[in-house]
Protein backbone atom coordinates (compact mmCIF):
# COMPACT_ATOMS: atom_id res chain seq x y z
CA MET A 1 63.20 207.07 156.19
CA LYS A 2 63.34 208.20 159.32
CA ILE A 3 65.31 210.78 161.09
CA LEU A 4 66.16 210.19 164.65
CA GLU A 5 66.67 213.67 166.72
CA SER A 6 69.01 213.56 169.39
CA LYS A 7 68.40 213.70 172.85
CA HIS A 8 72.12 215.50 172.97
CA SER A 9 72.51 219.18 172.88
CA ARG A 10 75.57 219.70 170.98
CA PRO A 11 78.50 222.07 172.93
CA THR A 12 78.65 225.61 172.28
CA TRP A 13 81.78 226.54 170.52
CA ASP A 14 83.48 227.78 173.35
CA GLU A 15 82.60 224.71 174.91
CA TYR A 16 83.40 222.62 171.73
CA PHE A 17 87.43 224.74 171.81
CA LEU A 18 87.90 224.23 175.53
CA ASN A 19 87.50 220.51 175.58
CA MET A 20 90.24 220.17 173.37
CA ALA A 21 92.16 222.60 175.01
CA ASP A 22 91.78 219.57 178.01
CA ALA A 23 92.85 217.06 175.05
CA VAL A 24 95.82 218.77 174.32
CA SER A 25 96.62 218.73 177.21
CA LEU A 26 97.70 215.25 177.91
CA ARG A 27 100.27 215.23 176.28
CA ALA A 28 102.02 217.95 178.75
CA ASP A 29 105.40 216.64 180.11
CA CYS A 30 105.87 218.45 183.23
CA ARG A 31 105.38 216.52 186.79
CA ARG A 32 103.38 220.04 187.98
CA GLY A 33 100.65 220.35 186.25
CA GLN A 34 98.89 219.66 182.02
CA TYR A 35 98.08 222.69 180.48
CA GLY A 36 96.94 222.25 177.00
CA ALA A 37 96.01 225.51 174.21
CA VAL A 38 94.27 225.80 171.42
CA LEU A 39 93.90 229.03 168.98
CA VAL A 40 91.45 229.33 166.93
CA LYS A 41 90.46 231.85 164.24
CA ASP A 42 87.08 231.91 161.88
CA ARG A 43 85.89 228.37 164.41
CA ARG A 44 88.59 226.82 163.01
CA VAL A 45 92.17 225.39 164.92
CA ILE A 46 95.81 227.44 164.20
CA SER A 47 97.82 225.77 165.67
CA THR A 48 97.64 223.85 169.55
CA GLY A 49 100.51 223.68 172.25
CA TYR A 50 100.79 221.84 175.80
CA ASN A 51 103.17 222.89 178.44
CA GLY A 52 106.88 220.78 177.98
CA SER A 53 110.55 221.85 176.76
CA GLU A 54 111.03 222.48 172.81
CA SER A 55 110.72 219.92 170.34
CA GLY A 56 113.55 216.91 171.02
CA GLY A 57 114.24 218.28 174.98
CA PRO A 58 115.35 217.50 178.17
CA SER A 59 111.86 215.47 179.68
CA CYS A 60 110.28 216.71 183.30
CA LEU A 61 108.83 213.45 183.41
CA ASP A 62 111.85 211.66 182.63
CA GLY A 63 113.30 214.15 185.51
CA GLU A 64 115.16 215.95 183.55
CA CYS A 65 113.46 219.33 185.26
CA PRO A 66 114.68 220.74 188.04
CA ARG A 67 112.04 222.31 189.08
CA GLY A 68 109.92 218.97 188.47
CA LEU A 69 112.53 217.16 190.90
CA LEU A 70 111.39 219.51 194.11
CA SER A 71 108.65 218.55 196.06
CA HIS A 72 105.67 220.33 196.85
CA GLU A 73 107.37 221.65 200.75
CA GLU A 74 110.23 222.24 198.78
CA LEU A 75 108.59 224.71 196.62
CA LYS A 76 106.16 226.72 200.04
CA GLY A 77 108.60 229.32 200.30
CA PHE A 78 107.29 230.98 196.90
CA LYS A 79 104.13 232.88 197.32
CA GLN A 80 101.64 231.99 194.72
CA GLY A 81 101.37 233.55 191.25
CA ASN A 82 105.14 234.75 191.74
CA ASN A 83 107.08 232.15 191.13
CA ASP A 84 110.52 231.15 190.18
CA TYR A 85 111.37 229.04 186.90
CA SER A 86 114.34 229.69 186.24
CA ASN A 87 115.16 226.43 187.09
CA CYS A 88 111.82 224.66 185.27
CA ILE A 89 112.62 223.49 181.18
CA SER A 90 109.28 223.55 180.32
CA LEU A 91 107.83 226.21 178.23
CA HIS A 92 104.04 227.37 178.60
CA ALA A 93 102.03 225.76 176.77
CA GLU A 94 100.49 229.42 174.91
CA ALA A 95 103.78 230.15 173.87
CA ASN A 96 104.11 226.43 172.49
CA CYS A 97 101.06 227.46 170.45
CA ILE A 98 101.59 230.85 169.87
CA ALA A 99 105.51 229.27 168.07
CA TYR A 100 103.61 226.93 166.60
CA ALA A 101 101.73 229.44 164.66
CA ASP A 102 101.29 231.41 161.08
CA GLY A 103 101.91 234.82 162.63
CA ASP A 104 98.95 236.58 160.62
CA LYS A 105 95.92 234.00 161.88
CA CYS A 106 97.69 234.29 164.86
CA ARG A 107 95.95 238.22 164.19
CA GLY A 108 92.32 237.91 165.37
CA ALA A 109 92.49 234.85 166.15
CA THR A 110 91.14 233.28 170.15
CA ILE A 111 92.87 231.32 172.06
CA TYR A 112 91.28 228.98 174.28
CA ILE A 113 93.46 226.91 177.23
CA ASN A 114 91.90 224.95 180.31
CA ALA A 115 93.33 227.16 182.98
CA LYS A 116 93.98 230.94 184.24
CA PRO A 117 97.30 232.24 181.54
CA CYS A 118 99.81 233.76 183.77
CA ASP A 119 100.62 237.36 183.44
CA MET A 120 103.83 236.82 181.09
CA CYS A 121 101.40 234.37 178.58
CA GLU A 122 98.62 237.24 178.90
CA LYS A 123 101.11 240.17 177.53
CA LEU A 124 102.33 236.98 175.06
CA ILE A 125 99.26 236.39 173.65
CA ARG A 126 98.39 240.20 173.52
CA ALA A 127 101.48 240.93 171.52
CA ALA A 128 100.28 238.26 168.74
CA GLY A 129 97.82 239.81 168.14
CA ILE A 130 95.00 237.77 169.39
CA LYS A 131 92.03 238.72 170.15
CA LYS A 132 90.12 237.01 172.94
CA ILE A 133 91.47 234.60 175.23
CA VAL A 134 88.76 231.99 177.06
CA TYR A 135 89.92 229.91 179.25
CA LYS A 136 88.66 227.18 182.34
CA GLU A 137 87.75 228.84 186.07
CA ASN A 138 89.31 226.83 188.07
């Protein structure tokens, strides 16, 4: 019996889990952007999350988010990185991912995100005891 050798290389673990974060982001319920997060410990997935409201809550894609209904022109008055999200119904992908994880499993884990986390999510990640953040450079 002859064993065929693959001509394709396998992705690194970081590439593999970042690709998972991309796949998770496809479930996002936001008109502005789709983000996904995957929490991993010992190369095993602990939890996933995407941006959207709480389970069974209002839907941005269905027009139930006041911020999602604003045009890009209407949002131009906000400074980059200092947006007011008080009229947004969604939680960020990282927050949803951590909310659905067992707290003990968060400590020492790695979170993979398909974009750089905002300042608040980075604080939440650190507070949860997650040791490493891996994200795609945009």
